[in-house]
Amino acid sequence: GHRGKVPEIRTDQDTITFVLTITVREGREGTTAKLVLRCDRDGGIQASIRPASLGDPDRGTTGS
């Protein structure tokens, strides 16, 4: 199988965001989730996990 995907890295003015797709095992079933790490210039880190099935809120359908 694949050894995992390359992390997606987004750089903004004040933050760097890493998005890693991970597989979470629940019993025999494996579900995919996104691990989001947001690091700011002060050294703070915010981590969140979102189910991949919900889509990516950061990429909403509103356009830029």
PDB file of N, CA and C in Angstrom:
ATOM      1  N   GLY A   1       0.827  -1.203   0.000  1.00  0.00           N
ATOM      2  CA  GLY A   1       0.000   0.000   0.000  1.00  0.00           C
ATOM      3  C   GLY A   1       0.858   1.247   0.000  1.00  0.00           C
ATOM      4  N   HIS A   2       0.195   2.387   0.007  1.00  0.00           N
ATOM      5  CA  HIS A   2       0.929   3.655   0.022  1.00  0.00           C
ATOM      6  C   HIS A   2       1.476   3.909   1.412  1.00  0.00           C
ATOM      7  N   ARG A   3       2.615   4.576   1.471  1.00  0.00           N
ATOM      8  CA  ARG A   3       3.240   4.867   2.766  1.00  0.00           C
ATOM      9  C   ARG A   3       2.736   6.179   3.344  1.00  0.00           C
ATOM     10  N   GLY A   4       1.575   6.636   2.930  1.00  0.00           N
ATOM     11  CA  GLY A   4       1.061   7.901   3.454  1.00  0.00           C
ATOM     12  C   GLY A   4       1.311   9.017   2.463  1.00  0.00           C
ATOM     13  N   LYS A   5       0.532  10.062   2.598  1.00  0.00           N
ATOM     14  CA  LYS A   5       0.631  11.158   1.643  1.00  0.00           C
ATOM     15  C   LYS A   5       1.576  12.224   2.161  1.00  0.00           C
ATOM     16  N   VAL A   6       2.055  13.021   1.246  1.00  0.00           N
ATOM     17  CA  VAL A   6       2.891  14.150   1.637  1.00  0.00           C
ATOM     18  C   VAL A   6       1.993  15.158   2.342  1.00  0.00           C
ATOM     19  N   PRO A   7       2.445  15.694   3.469  1.00  0.00           N
ATOM     20  CA  PRO A   7       1.602  16.670   4.162  1.00  0.00           C
ATOM     21  C   PRO A   7       1.384  17.913   3.312  1.00  0.00           C
ATOM     22  N   GLU A   8       0.207  18.478   3.445  1.00  0.00           N
ATOM     23  CA  GLU A   8      -0.099  19.720   2.758  1.00  0.00           C
ATOM     24  C   GLU A   8       0.345  20.842   3.689  1.00  0.00           C
ATOM     25  N   ILE A   9       1.098  21.796   3.170  1.00  0.00           N
ATOM     26  CA  ILE A   9       1.606  22.874   4.012  1.00  0.00           C
ATOM     27  C   ILE A   9       1.131  24.199   3.452  1.00  0.00           C
ATOM     28  N   ARG A  10       0.462  24.979   4.302  1.00  0.00           N
ATOM     29  CA  ARG A  10       0.003  26.297   3.871  1.00  0.00           C
ATOM     30  C   ARG A  10       0.713  27.336   4.712  1.00  0.00           C
ATOM     31  N   THR A  11       1.273  28.330   4.066  1.00  0.00           N
ATOM     32  CA  THR A  11       1.967  29.377   4.803  1.00  0.00           C
ATOM     33  C   THR A  11       1.212  30.683   4.644  1.00  0.00           C
ATOM     34  N   ASP A  12       0.821  31.272   5.766  1.00  0.00           N
ATOM     35  CA  ASP A  12       0.188  32.576   5.744  1.00  0.00           C
ATOM     36  C   ASP A  12       1.171  33.581   6.319  1.00  0.00           C
ATOM     37  N   GLN A  13       0.688  34.804   6.537  1.00  0.00           N
ATOM     38  CA  GLN A  13       1.596  35.821   7.039  1.00  0.00           C
ATOM     39  C   GLN A  13       2.079  35.472   8.437  1.00  0.00           C
ATOM     40  N   ASP A  14       1.179  35.012   9.277  1.00  0.00           N
ATOM     41  CA  ASP A  14       1.541  34.797  10.680  1.00  0.00           C
ATOM     42  C   ASP A  14       1.543  33.342  11.088  1.00  0.00           C
ATOM     43  N   THR A  15       1.035  32.471  10.251  1.00  0.00           N
ATOM     44  CA  THR A  15       0.915  31.080  10.659  1.00  0.00           C
ATOM     45  C   THR A  15       1.391  30.134   9.571  1.00  0.00           C
ATOM     46  N   ILE A  16       1.741  28.929  10.002  1.00  0.00           N
ATOM     47  CA  ILE A  16       2.031  27.845   9.067  1.00  0.00           C
ATOM     48  C   ILE A  16       1.074  26.722   9.440  1.00  0.00           C
ATOM     49  N   THR A  17       0.379  26.199   8.462  1.00  0.00           N
ATOM     50  CA  THR A  17      -0.589  25.146   8.717  1.00  0.00           C
ATOM     51  C   THR A  17      -0.154  23.876   8.003  1.00  0.00           C
ATOM     52  N   PHE A  18      -0.071  22.790   8.767  1.00  0.00           N
ATOM     53  CA  PHE A  18       0.240  21.486   8.197  1.00  0.00           C
ATOM     54  C   PHE A  18      -1.042  20.668   8.211  1.00  0.00           C
ATOM     55  N   VAL A  19      -1.374  20.064   7.080  1.00  0.00           N
ATOM     56  CA  VAL A  19      -2.548  19.204   7.031  1.00  0.00           C
ATOM     57  C   VAL A  19      -2.085  17.805   6.660  1.00  0.00           C
ATOM     58  N   LEU A  20      -2.258  16.857   7.573  1.00  0.00           N
ATOM     59  CA  LEU A  20      -1.845  15.484   7.313  1.00  0.00           C
ATOM     60  C   LEU A  20      -3.079  14.605   7.294  1.00  0.00           C
ATOM     61  N   THR A  21      -3.165  13.757   6.289  1.00  0.00           N
ATOM     62  CA  THR A  21      -4.262  12.804   6.242  1.00  0.00           C
ATOM     63  C   THR A  21      -3.816  11.551   6.980  1.00  0.00           C
ATOM     64  N   ILE A  22      -4.592  11.150   7.974  1.00  0.00           N
ATOM     65  CA  ILE A  22      -4.220   9.998   8.782  1.00  0.00           C
ATOM     66  C   ILE A  22      -5.343   8.975   8.751  1.00  0.00           C
ATOM     67  N   THR A  23      -5.003   7.742   9.071  1.00  0.00           N
ATOM     68  CA  THR A  23      -6.015   6.699   9.167  1.00  0.00           C
ATOM     69  C   THR A  23      -6.203   6.346  10.629  1.00  0.00           C
ATOM     70  N   VAL A  24      -7.437   6.429  11.080  1.00  0.00           N
ATOM     71  CA  VAL A  24      -7.748   6.133  12.470  1.00  0.00           C
ATOM     72  C   VAL A  24      -8.391   4.758  12.506  1.00  0.00           C
ATOM     73  N   ARG A  25      -7.843   3.888  13.342  1.00  0.00           N
ATOM     74  CA  ARG A  25      -8.381   2.538  13.397  1.00  0.00           C
ATOM     75  C   ARG A  25      -9.428   2.429  14.485  1.00  0.00           C
ATOM     76  N   GLU A  26     -10.584   1.919  14.114  1.00  0.00           N
ATOM     77  CA  GLU A  26     -11.617   1.646  15.110  1.00  0.00           C
ATOM     78  C   GLU A  26     -12.023   0.201  14.905  1.00  0.00           C
ATOM     79  N   GLY A  27     -11.551  -0.663  15.775  1.00  0.00           N
ATOM     80  CA  GLY A  27     -11.832  -2.078  15.582  1.00  0.00           C
ATOM     81  C   GLY A  27     -11.213  -2.535  14.279  1.00  0.00           C
ATOM     82  N   ARG A  28     -12.011  -3.127  13.398  1.00  0.00           N
ATOM     83  CA  ARG A  28     -11.462  -3.554  12.119  1.00  0.00           C
ATOM     84  C   ARG A  28     -11.572  -2.472  11.076  1.00  0.00           C
ATOM     85  N   GLU A  29     -12.355  -1.445  11.348  1.00  0.00           N
ATOM     86  CA  GLU A  29     -12.575  -0.431  10.331  1.00  0.00           C
ATOM     87  C   GLU A  29     -11.554   0.675  10.461  1.00  0.00           C
ATOM     88  N   GLY A  30     -11.105   1.174   9.338  1.00  0.00           N
ATOM     89  CA  GLY A  30     -10.201   2.315   9.365  1.00  0.00           C
ATOM     90  C   GLY A  30     -10.903   3.495   8.727  1.00  0.00           C
ATOM     91  N   THR A  31     -10.939   4.600   9.448  1.00  0.00           N
ATOM     92  CA  THR A  31     -11.531   5.794   8.861  1.00  0.00           C
ATOM     93  C   THR A  31     -10.435   6.816   8.643  1.00  0.00           C
ATOM     94  N   THR A  32     -10.632   7.664   7.667  1.00  0.00           N
ATOM     95  CA  THR A  32      -9.623   8.663   7.355  1.00  0.00           C
ATOM     96  C   THR A  32      -9.993   9.972   8.021  1.00  0.00           C
ATOM     97  N   ALA A  33      -8.997  10.636   8.573  1.00  0.00           N
ATOM     98  CA  ALA A  33      -9.223  11.928   9.204  1.00  0.00           C
ATOM     99  C   ALA A  33      -8.096  12.856   8.805  1.00  0.00           C
ATOM    100  N   LYS A  34      -8.329  14.144   8.993  1.00  0.00           N
ATOM    101  CA  LYS A  34      -7.280  15.116   8.710  1.00  0.00           C
ATOM    102  C   LYS A  34      -6.778  15.687  10.017  1.00  0.00           C
ATOM    103  N   LEU A  35      -5.473  15.597  10.204  1.00  0.00           N
ATOM    104  CA  LEU A  35      -4.846  16.191  11.381  1.00  0.00           C
ATOM    105  C   LEU A  35      -4.317  17.548  10.945  1.00  0.00           C
ATOM    106  N   VAL A  36      -4.824  18.598  11.576  1.00  0.00           N
ATOM    107  CA  VAL A  36      -4.445  19.957  11.198  1.00  0.00           C
ATOM    108  C   VAL A  36      -3.635  20.575  12.325  1.00  0.00           C
ATOM    109  N   LEU A  37      -2.416  20.980  12.012  1.00  0.00           N
ATOM    110  CA  LEU A  37      -1.557  21.643  12.993  1.00  0.00           C
ATOM    111  C   LEU A  37      -1.322  23.067  12.528  1.00  0.00           C
ATOM    112  N   ARG A  38      -1.705  24.035  13.365  1.00  0.00           N
ATOM    113  CA  ARG A  38      -1.504  25.431  12.992  1.00  0.00           C
ATOM    114  C   ARG A  38      -0.502  26.037  13.958  1.00  0.00           C
ATOM    115  N   CYS A  39       0.627  26.467  13.431  1.00  0.00           N
ATOM    116  CA  CYS A  39       1.687  27.029  14.263  1.00  0.00           C
ATOM    117  C   CYS A  39       1.776  28.521  13.990  1.00  0.00           C
ATOM    118  N   ASP A  40       1.755  29.331  15.064  1.00  0.00           N
ATOM    119  CA  ASP A  40       1.885  30.762  14.841  1.00  0.00           C
ATOM    120  C   ASP A  40       3.270  31.240  15.214  1.00  0.00           C
ATOM    121  N   ARG A  41       3.529  32.502  14.928  1.00  0.00           N
ATOM    122  CA  ARG A  41       4.878  33.032  15.105  1.00  0.00           C
ATOM    123  C   ARG A  41       5.298  33.087  16.559  1.00  0.00           C
ATOM    124  N   ASP A  42       4.337  33.084  17.479  1.00  0.00           N
ATOM    125  CA  ASP A  42       4.676  33.138  18.904  1.00  0.00           C
ATOM    126  C   ASP A  42       5.084  31.775  19.429  1.00  0.00           C
ATOM    127  N   GLY A  43       4.975  30.762  18.600  1.00  0.00           N
ATOM    128  CA  GLY A  43       5.335  29.424  19.040  1.00  0.00           C
ATOM    129  C   GLY A  43       4.137  28.619  19.497  1.00  0.00           C
ATOM    130  N   GLY A  44       2.961  29.218  19.429  1.00  0.00           N
ATOM    131  CA  GLY A  44       1.765  28.481  19.829  1.00  0.00           C
ATOM    132  C   GLY A  44       1.361  27.492  18.750  1.00  0.00           C
ATOM    133  N   ILE A  45       0.799  26.372  19.180  1.00  0.00           N
ATOM    134  CA  ILE A  45       0.348  25.366  18.220  1.00  0.00           C
ATOM    135  C   ILE A  45      -1.100  25.014  18.526  1.00  0.00           C
ATOM    136  N   GLN A  46      -1.920  25.009  17.495  1.00  0.00           N
ATOM    137  CA  GLN A  46      -3.287  24.539  17.621  1.00  0.00           C
ATOM    138  C   GLN A  46      -3.397  23.261  16.815  1.00  0.00           C
ATOM    139  N   ALA A  47      -3.945  22.233  17.420  1.00  0.00           N
ATOM    140  CA  ALA A  47      -4.110  20.983  16.688  1.00  0.00           C
ATOM    141  C   ALA A  47      -5.587  20.622  16.668  1.00  0.00           C
ATOM    142  N   SER A  48      -6.062  20.165  15.527  1.00  0.00           N
ATOM    143  CA  SER A  48      -7.434  19.698  15.455  1.00  0.00           C
ATOM    144  C   SER A  48      -7.505  18.522  14.495  1.00  0.00           C
ATOM    145  N   ILE A  49      -8.479  17.666  14.739  1.00  0.00           N
ATOM    146  CA  ILE A  49      -8.679  16.520  13.858  1.00  0.00           C
ATOM    147  C   ILE A  49     -10.086  16.627  13.300  1.00  0.00           C
ATOM    148  N   ARG A  50     -10.220  16.538  11.999  1.00  0.00           N
ATOM    149  CA  ARG A  50     -11.543  16.559  11.397  1.00  0.00           C
ATOM    150  C   ARG A  50     -11.747  15.295  10.588  1.00  0.00           C
ATOM    151  N   PRO A  51     -12.922  14.735  10.628  1.00  0.00           N
ATOM    152  CA  PRO A  51     -13.220  13.600   9.754  1.00  0.00           C
ATOM    153  C   PRO A  51     -13.143  14.054   8.304  1.00  0.00           C
ATOM    154  N   ALA A  52     -12.495  13.270   7.481  1.00  0.00           N
ATOM    155  CA  ALA A  52     -12.336  13.662   6.085  1.00  0.00           C
ATOM    156  C   ALA A  52     -13.679  13.638   5.366  1.00  0.00           C
ATOM    157  N   SER A  53     -14.625  12.875   5.892  1.00  0.00           N
ATOM    158  CA  SER A  53     -15.900  12.726   5.205  1.00  0.00           C
ATOM    159  C   SER A  53     -16.720  14.009   5.245  1.00  0.00           C
ATOM    160  N   LEU A  54     -16.402  14.908   6.160  1.00  0.00           N
ATOM    161  CA  LEU A  54     -17.163  16.147   6.258  1.00  0.00           C
ATOM    162  C   LEU A  54     -16.701  17.172   5.243  1.00  0.00           C
ATOM    163  N   GLY A  55     -15.652  16.851   4.502  1.00  0.00           N
ATOM    164  CA  GLY A  55     -15.139  17.841   3.569  1.00  0.00           C
ATOM    165  C   GLY A  55     -14.210  18.791   4.313  1.00  0.00           C
ATOM    166  N   ASP A  56     -13.641  19.739   3.589  1.00  0.00           N
ATOM    167  CA  ASP A  56     -12.662  20.635   4.187  1.00  0.00           C
ATOM    168  C   ASP A  56     -13.256  22.026   4.317  1.00  0.00           C
ATOM    169  N   PRO A  57     -13.571  22.454   5.531  1.00  0.00           N
ATOM    170  CA  PRO A  57     -14.209  23.758   5.731  1.00  0.00           C
ATOM    171  C   PRO A  57     -13.344  24.904   5.219  1.00  0.00           C
ATOM    172  N   ASP A  58     -12.029  24.725   5.240  1.00  0.00           N
ATOM    173  CA  ASP A  58     -11.146  25.800   4.800  1.00  0.00           C
ATOM    174  C   ASP A  58     -11.331  26.094   3.318  1.00  0.00           C
ATOM    175  N   ARG A  59     -11.849  25.108   2.589  1.00  0.00           N
ATOM    176  CA  ARG A  59     -11.984  25.286   1.158  1.00  0.00           C
ATOM    177  C   ARG A  59     -13.420  25.504   0.773  1.00  0.00           C
ATOM    178  N   GLY A  60     -14.224  26.094   1.608  1.00  0.00           N
ATOM    179  CA  GLY A  60     -15.657  26.198   1.380  1.00  0.00           C
ATOM    180  C   GLY A  60     -16.044  26.551  -0.034  1.00  0.00           C
ATOM    181  N   THR A  61     -17.318  26.662  -0.286  1.00  0.00           N
ATOM    182  CA  THR A  61     -17.768  26.882  -1.660  1.00  0.00           C
ATOM    183  C   THR A  61     -18.004  28.358  -1.931  1.00  0.00           C
ATOM    184  N   THR A  62     -17.525  29.242  -1.062  1.00  0.00           N
ATOM    185  CA  THR A  62     -17.806  30.666  -1.224  1.00  0.00           C
ATOM    186  C   THR A  62     -16.826  31.340  -2.163  1.00  0.00           C
ATOM    187  N   GLY A  63     -15.800  30.649  -2.599  1.00  0.00           N
ATOM    188  CA  GLY A  63     -14.793  31.287  -3.450  1.00  0.00           C
ATOM    189  C   GLY A  63     -13.860  32.115  -2.582  1.00  0.00           C
ATOM    190  N   SER A  64     -12.877  32.819  -3.195  1.00  0.00           N
ATOM    191  CA  SER A  64     -11.939  33.550  -2.356  1.00  0.00           C
ATOM    192  C   SER A  64     -12.179  35.037  -2.424  1.00  0.00           C
TER     193      SER A  64
END
